[in-house]
Amino acid sequence: MEDINMVTKEKLENTITVGFFNQEMEGNLELYQKTFDIVLADNASFEELEEILFEKMKEG
């Protein structure tokens, strides 16, 4: 979770943040969803991230 602080708030406007969620699903998932633009869980692969980003590029 601390990694989100590596980018200044000003730069976050133009940044897509991704959280890889590998902890207890119940307690922290909502926090991850509030913190990151995209949350991948259950040991998701970078291929899944690539697909999501590709879809977002097509939308925008």
N, C-alpha and C. Protein backbone atom coordinates (compact mmCIF):
# COMPACT_ATOMS: atom_id res chain seq x y z
N MET A 1 0.81 -1.19 0.00
CA MET A 1 0.00 0.00 0.00
C MET A 1 0.85 1.26 0.00
N GLU A 2 2.02 1.20 0.59
CA GLU A 2 2.86 2.38 0.68
C GLU A 2 3.36 2.84 -0.69
N ASP A 3 3.38 1.95 -1.67
CA ASP A 3 3.89 2.31 -3.00
C ASP A 3 3.11 3.43 -3.64
N ILE A 4 1.84 3.60 -3.28
CA ILE A 4 1.03 4.65 -3.87
C ILE A 4 1.62 6.03 -3.58
N ASN A 5 2.38 6.15 -2.51
CA ASN A 5 2.99 7.43 -2.13
C ASN A 5 4.26 7.74 -2.91
N MET A 6 4.67 6.86 -3.81
CA MET A 6 5.87 7.10 -4.60
C MET A 6 5.63 8.15 -5.68
N VAL A 7 4.37 8.39 -6.01
CA VAL A 7 4.01 9.37 -7.04
C VAL A 7 3.30 10.53 -6.35
N THR A 8 3.69 11.76 -6.69
CA THR A 8 3.04 12.91 -6.08
C THR A 8 1.59 13.00 -6.53
N LYS A 9 0.77 13.62 -5.71
CA LYS A 9 -0.66 13.74 -6.01
C LYS A 9 -0.90 14.45 -7.34
N GLU A 10 -0.05 15.41 -7.67
CA GLU A 10 -0.19 16.14 -8.93
C GLU A 10 -0.02 15.20 -10.13
N LYS A 11 0.92 14.28 -10.04
CA LYS A 11 1.18 13.36 -11.14
C LYS A 11 0.15 12.23 -11.20
N LEU A 12 -0.55 11.97 -10.10
CA LEU A 12 -1.55 10.90 -10.09
C LEU A 12 -2.71 11.19 -11.04
N GLU A 13 -2.93 12.48 -11.37
CA GLU A 13 -3.99 12.84 -12.29
C GLU A 13 -3.83 12.15 -13.64
N ASN A 14 -2.59 11.96 -14.06
CA ASN A 14 -2.29 11.38 -15.36
C ASN A 14 -1.66 9.99 -15.25
N THR A 15 -1.94 9.32 -14.16
CA THR A 15 -1.34 8.02 -13.90
C THR A 15 -2.43 7.01 -13.57
N ILE A 16 -2.30 5.81 -14.09
CA ILE A 16 -3.20 4.72 -13.71
C ILE A 16 -2.47 3.90 -12.65
N THR A 17 -3.08 3.79 -11.48
CA THR A 17 -2.45 3.04 -10.39
C THR A 17 -3.01 1.62 -10.35
N VAL A 18 -2.14 0.67 -10.07
CA VAL A 18 -2.52 -0.74 -10.04
C VAL A 18 -2.09 -1.33 -8.70
N GLY A 19 -3.02 -2.00 -8.04
CA GLY A 19 -2.72 -2.68 -6.79
C GLY A 19 -2.84 -4.17 -6.98
N PHE A 20 -1.83 -4.90 -6.59
CA PHE A 20 -1.87 -6.37 -6.63
C PHE A 20 -2.23 -6.85 -5.24
N PHE A 21 -3.44 -7.37 -5.10
CA PHE A 21 -4.01 -7.71 -3.80
C PHE A 21 -3.80 -9.18 -3.51
N ASN A 22 -2.93 -9.48 -2.55
CA ASN A 22 -2.64 -10.87 -2.20
C ASN A 22 -2.76 -11.11 -0.71
N GLN A 23 -3.65 -10.37 -0.07
CA GLN A 23 -3.83 -10.53 1.37
C GLN A 23 -5.23 -11.05 1.64
N GLU A 24 -5.64 -11.01 2.90
CA GLU A 24 -6.99 -11.44 3.25
C GLU A 24 -8.00 -10.60 2.47
N MET A 25 -8.79 -11.26 1.67
CA MET A 25 -9.73 -10.56 0.80
C MET A 25 -10.76 -9.74 1.57
N GLU A 26 -11.27 -10.26 2.65
CA GLU A 26 -12.37 -9.64 3.35
C GLU A 26 -12.05 -8.23 3.85
N GLY A 27 -10.97 -8.10 4.61
CA GLY A 27 -10.73 -6.88 5.34
C GLY A 27 -10.17 -5.72 4.56
N ASN A 28 -9.34 -5.96 3.58
CA ASN A 28 -8.60 -4.86 2.94
C ASN A 28 -9.00 -4.58 1.50
N LEU A 29 -9.84 -5.38 0.91
CA LEU A 29 -10.17 -5.19 -0.50
C LEU A 29 -10.77 -3.81 -0.76
N GLU A 30 -11.68 -3.39 0.09
CA GLU A 30 -12.31 -2.08 -0.10
C GLU A 30 -11.28 -0.95 -0.05
N LEU A 31 -10.32 -1.06 0.85
CA LEU A 31 -9.25 -0.06 0.94
C LEU A 31 -8.43 -0.03 -0.35
N TYR A 32 -8.10 -1.19 -0.88
CA TYR A 32 -7.36 -1.25 -2.14
C TYR A 32 -8.18 -0.62 -3.26
N GLN A 33 -9.46 -0.90 -3.32
CA GLN A 33 -10.32 -0.36 -4.38
C GLN A 33 -10.44 1.16 -4.29
N LYS A 34 -10.37 1.70 -3.09
CA LYS A 34 -10.40 3.16 -2.93
C LYS A 34 -9.06 3.79 -3.28
N THR A 35 -7.98 3.05 -3.10
CA THR A 35 -6.64 3.59 -3.28
C THR A 35 -6.15 3.50 -4.71
N PHE A 36 -6.43 2.37 -5.39
CA PHE A 36 -5.89 2.12 -6.73
C PHE A 36 -6.99 2.19 -7.78
N ASP A 37 -6.60 2.56 -9.00
CA ASP A 37 -7.55 2.59 -10.13
C ASP A 37 -7.94 1.17 -10.55
N ILE A 38 -6.98 0.27 -10.53
CA ILE A 38 -7.19 -1.13 -10.92
C ILE A 38 -6.66 -2.00 -9.79
N VAL A 39 -7.45 -2.98 -9.37
CA VAL A 39 -7.01 -3.93 -8.34
C VAL A 39 -7.07 -5.33 -8.93
N LEU A 40 -5.93 -6.01 -8.92
CA LEU A 40 -5.86 -7.39 -9.39
C LEU A 40 -5.65 -8.29 -8.17
N ALA A 41 -6.42 -9.36 -8.12
CA ALA A 41 -6.37 -10.25 -6.95
C ALA A 41 -6.10 -11.69 -7.39
N ASP A 42 -5.93 -12.54 -6.38
CA ASP A 42 -5.74 -13.97 -6.61
C ASP A 42 -4.57 -14.27 -7.53
N ASN A 43 -3.44 -13.61 -7.30
CA ASN A 43 -2.22 -13.82 -8.10
C ASN A 43 -2.45 -13.61 -9.59
N ALA A 44 -3.18 -12.56 -9.92
CA ALA A 44 -3.44 -12.24 -11.32
C ALA A 44 -2.13 -12.01 -12.06
N SER A 45 -2.15 -12.28 -13.36
CA SER A 45 -0.94 -12.14 -14.15
C SER A 45 -0.88 -10.76 -14.81
N PHE A 46 0.30 -10.44 -15.32
CA PHE A 46 0.45 -9.20 -16.05
C PHE A 46 -0.31 -9.25 -17.37
N GLU A 47 -0.62 -10.43 -17.86
CA GLU A 47 -1.43 -10.54 -19.07
C GLU A 47 -2.82 -9.98 -18.82
N GLU A 48 -3.38 -10.26 -17.65
CA GLU A 48 -4.68 -9.71 -17.30
C GLU A 48 -4.62 -8.19 -17.22
N LEU A 49 -3.56 -7.66 -16.64
CA LEU A 49 -3.38 -6.22 -16.58
C LEU A 49 -3.29 -5.63 -17.98
N GLU A 50 -2.55 -6.28 -18.84
CA GLU A 50 -2.40 -5.81 -20.22
C GLU A 50 -3.76 -5.74 -20.91
N GLU A 51 -4.60 -6.75 -20.71
CA GLU A 51 -5.94 -6.76 -21.31
C GLU A 51 -6.79 -5.60 -20.80
N ILE A 52 -6.74 -5.36 -19.49
CA ILE A 52 -7.51 -4.25 -18.91
C ILE A 52 -7.04 -2.92 -19.47
N LEU A 53 -5.73 -2.71 -19.52
CA LEU A 53 -5.20 -1.46 -20.04
C LEU A 53 -5.53 -1.27 -21.51
N PHE A 54 -5.48 -2.34 -22.29
CA PHE A 54 -5.82 -2.26 -23.70
C PHE A 54 -7.28 -1.83 -23.86
N GLU A 55 -8.17 -2.39 -23.06
CA GLU A 55 -9.59 -2.02 -23.12
C GLU A 55 -9.79 -0.57 -22.74
N LYS A 56 -9.08 -0.08 -21.72
CA LYS A 56 -9.18 1.31 -21.30
C LYS A 56 -8.69 2.26 -22.41
N MET A 57 -7.64 1.86 -23.12
CA MET A 57 -7.13 2.67 -24.22
C MET A 57 -8.15 2.76 -25.34
N LYS A 58 -8.85 1.67 -25.61
CA LYS A 58 -9.87 1.67 -26.65
C LYS A 58 -11.04 2.59 -26.28
N GLU A 59 -11.36 2.65 -24.99
CA GLU A 59 -12.45 3.49 -24.51
C GLU A 59 -12.11 4.96 -24.61
N GLY A 60 -10.86 5.30 -24.33
CA GLY A 60 -10.46 6.70 -24.22
C GLY A 60 -9.86 7.20 -25.45
